[in-house]
Protein backbone atom coordinates (compact mmCIF):
# COMPACT_ATOMS: atom_id res chain seq x y z
CA UNK A 1 35.28 82.53 -166.39
CA UNK A 2 37.75 81.48 -168.94
CA UNK A 3 38.39 77.99 -170.15
CA UNK A 4 42.16 78.42 -170.14
CA UNK A 5 44.21 75.78 -168.37
CA UNK A 6 47.49 76.80 -166.87
CA UNK A 7 50.15 74.18 -167.27
CA UNK A 8 53.43 74.13 -165.45
CA UNK A 9 56.32 72.66 -167.33
CA UNK A 10 58.10 71.45 -164.14
CA UNK A 11 55.21 69.14 -163.23
CA UNK A 12 55.29 65.90 -165.09
CA UNK A 13 52.47 63.45 -165.54
CA UNK A 14 53.64 61.20 -162.65
CA UNK A 15 52.45 63.55 -159.90
CA UNK A 16 53.42 66.80 -158.27
CA UNK A 17 55.97 65.94 -155.59
CA UNK A 18 59.65 66.42 -154.94
CA UNK A 19 61.69 63.47 -156.06
CA UNK A 20 64.69 64.35 -153.93
CA UNK A 21 64.32 63.63 -150.15
CA UNK A 22 66.25 65.04 -147.21
CA UNK A 23 69.04 62.76 -146.12
CA UNK A 24 68.71 61.42 -142.55
CA UNK A 25 72.49 61.69 -142.19
CA UNK A 26 72.23 65.48 -141.88
CA UNK A 27 69.67 65.23 -139.06
CA UNK A 28 71.72 62.61 -137.19
CA UNK A 29 74.93 64.68 -137.51
CA UNK A 30 73.09 67.77 -136.26
CA UNK A 31 71.72 65.90 -133.19
CA UNK A 32 75.14 64.44 -132.37
CA UNK A 33 76.74 67.87 -132.72
CA UNK A 34 74.05 69.41 -130.49
CA UNK A 35 74.63 66.76 -127.79
CA UNK A 36 78.40 67.30 -127.91
CA UNK A 37 77.92 71.09 -127.64
CA UNK A 38 75.64 70.67 -124.61
CA UNK A 39 78.19 68.43 -122.85
CA UNK A 40 81.03 70.86 -123.59
CA UNK A 41 79.02 73.86 -122.33
CA UNK A 42 78.08 71.90 -119.18
CA UNK A 43 81.73 71.20 -118.34
CA UNK A 44 82.75 74.81 -119.08
CA UNK A 45 80.06 76.17 -116.71
CA UNK A 46 80.90 73.57 -114.05
CA UNK A 47 84.58 74.51 -114.25
CA UNK A 48 83.80 78.23 -114.01
CA UNK A 49 81.58 77.65 -110.96
CA UNK A 50 84.23 75.54 -109.24
CA UNK A 51 86.96 78.11 -110.01
CA UNK A 52 84.87 81.06 -108.76
CA UNK A 53 83.79 79.17 -105.63
CA UNK A 54 87.37 78.36 -104.63
CA UNK A 55 88.46 81.93 -105.43
CA UNK A 56 85.68 83.30 -103.23
CA UNK A 57 86.60 80.98 -100.33
CA UNK A 58 90.28 81.95 -100.58
CA UNK A 59 89.54 85.70 -100.54
CA UNK A 60 87.12 85.69 -97.61
CA UNK A 61 88.20 87.68 -94.58
CA UNK A 62 89.02 85.52 -91.57
CA UNK A 63 86.34 85.29 -88.91
CA UNK A 64 87.05 87.23 -85.76
CA UNK A 65 87.74 85.07 -82.71
CA UNK A 66 85.27 87.30 -80.82
CA UNK A 67 82.35 86.08 -82.92
CA UNK A 68 80.23 83.44 -81.19
CA UNK A 69 79.33 80.35 -83.16
CA UNK A 70 75.87 80.30 -84.69
CA UNK A 71 73.13 78.94 -82.44
CA UNK A 72 69.68 77.55 -83.11
CA UNK A 73 67.44 80.60 -82.84
CA UNK A 74 64.28 78.51 -82.66
CA UNK A 75 65.01 77.36 -79.11
CA UNK A 76 65.51 80.03 -76.47
CA UNK A 77 65.92 79.42 -72.74
CA UNK A 78 63.37 80.66 -70.21
CA UNK A 79 65.90 83.08 -68.70
CA UNK A 80 66.63 84.60 -72.12
CA UNK A 81 62.96 85.27 -72.80
CA UNK A 82 62.47 86.96 -69.41
CA UNK A 83 65.47 89.25 -70.07
CA UNK A 84 63.84 90.44 -73.28
CA UNK A 85 61.39 93.38 -73.20
CA UNK A 86 57.72 92.93 -74.08
CA UNK A 87 56.56 91.45 -76.44
CA UNK A 88 58.71 88.48 -75.54
CA UNK A 89 60.07 85.76 -77.76
CA UNK A 90 58.70 82.27 -77.81
CA UNK A 91 60.84 79.81 -75.95
CA UNK A 92 60.27 76.97 -78.38
CA UNK A 93 58.03 77.86 -81.29
CA UNK A 94 57.40 74.28 -82.40
CA UNK A 95 56.12 72.95 -79.09
CA UNK A 96 54.29 76.16 -78.18
CA UNK A 97 52.43 76.23 -81.49
CA UNK A 98 51.55 72.54 -81.12
CA UNK A 99 50.29 73.19 -77.57
CA UNK A 100 48.24 76.18 -78.79
CA UNK A 101 46.57 74.06 -81.49
CA UNK A 102 45.84 71.25 -79.01
CA UNK A 103 44.23 73.76 -76.61
CA UNK A 104 42.09 75.23 -79.40
CA UNK A 105 40.95 71.75 -80.49
CA UNK A 106 40.10 70.88 -76.89
CA UNK A 107 38.08 74.12 -76.54
CA UNK A 108 36.15 73.39 -79.73
CA UNK A 109 35.31 69.81 -78.72
CA UNK A 110 34.30 70.03 -75.02
CA UNK A 111 31.45 71.27 -72.86
CA UNK A 112 32.24 74.08 -70.42
CA UNK A 113 30.56 76.87 -68.46
CA UNK A 114 31.21 80.33 -69.89
CA UNK A 115 29.01 82.16 -67.33
CA UNK A 116 27.24 79.89 -64.84
CA UNK A 117 25.09 82.71 -63.38
CA UNK A 118 23.66 83.70 -66.77
CA UNK A 119 23.41 80.09 -67.96
CA UNK A 120 25.85 80.49 -70.87
CA UNK A 121 27.42 77.17 -71.84
CA UNK A 122 30.14 76.30 -74.32
CA UNK A 123 29.29 73.23 -76.40
CA UNK A 124 31.33 71.29 -78.97
CA UNK A 125 31.23 72.78 -82.44
CA UNK A 126 29.87 69.56 -83.98
CA UNK A 127 26.94 69.56 -81.52
CA UNK A 128 26.31 73.27 -82.22
CA UNK A 129 26.12 72.58 -85.97
CA UNK A 130 23.68 69.69 -85.35
CA UNK A 131 21.47 71.97 -83.23
CA UNK A 132 21.45 74.65 -85.95
CA UNK A 133 20.39 72.04 -88.50
CA UNK A 134 17.59 70.78 -86.22
CA UNK A 135 16.27 74.11 -84.91
CA UNK A 136 17.26 76.50 -87.68
CA UNK A 137 19.15 79.74 -87.32
CA UNK A 138 17.49 82.44 -85.23
CA UNK A 139 17.95 85.65 -87.21
CA UNK A 140 16.74 88.15 -84.58
CA UNK A 141 16.08 87.79 -80.89
CA UNK A 142 12.33 88.12 -80.09
CA UNK A 143 12.85 91.39 -78.15
CA UNK A 144 14.28 93.15 -81.22
CA UNK A 145 11.48 91.97 -83.53
CA UNK A 146 8.78 93.29 -81.13
CA UNK A 147 10.57 96.64 -80.92
CA UNK A 148 10.68 96.75 -84.71
CA UNK A 149 6.95 96.16 -84.96
CA UNK A 150 6.31 98.90 -82.41
CA UNK A 151 8.54 101.29 -84.37
CA UNK A 152 6.63 100.47 -87.58
CA UNK A 153 3.32 101.22 -85.84
CA UNK A 154 4.65 104.56 -84.62
CA UNK A 155 5.94 105.49 -88.09
CA UNK A 156 2.65 104.53 -89.77
CA UNK A 157 0.57 106.47 -87.22
CA UNK A 158 2.76 109.57 -87.68
CA UNK A 159 2.06 109.55 -91.41
């Protein structure tokens, strides 16, 4: 390493900083000019939109008197749905969907016979979850597990 010291003639003994600051007037003028430009551009675009909208409305073809006024397509009468081929439209999608959800909730929260002869019962889903927690989940019916053991015995005896 050398012991040379590099000295810069532009640095004086008071410190190495710029003695001339940026004037805040320039920043303020720039911000004011930017705000004015934004307002002018806004009014130019608004005027163009208004002009093109009125021009488009003036040049539209007149509506034929044979055209029926627009109707609410969400509500259809019962006679209109029966005139339509299968699959048919919903008569009122809002009320029918609400009724479907209510029926599903009722099915999930009530007791009912599925097959009375076989003893199959529908129970509420909350009760079914409680029973699974209490009894555990049966992975295989007992008949299948006995058949599996018998199959294993047959395979081992064949070897």
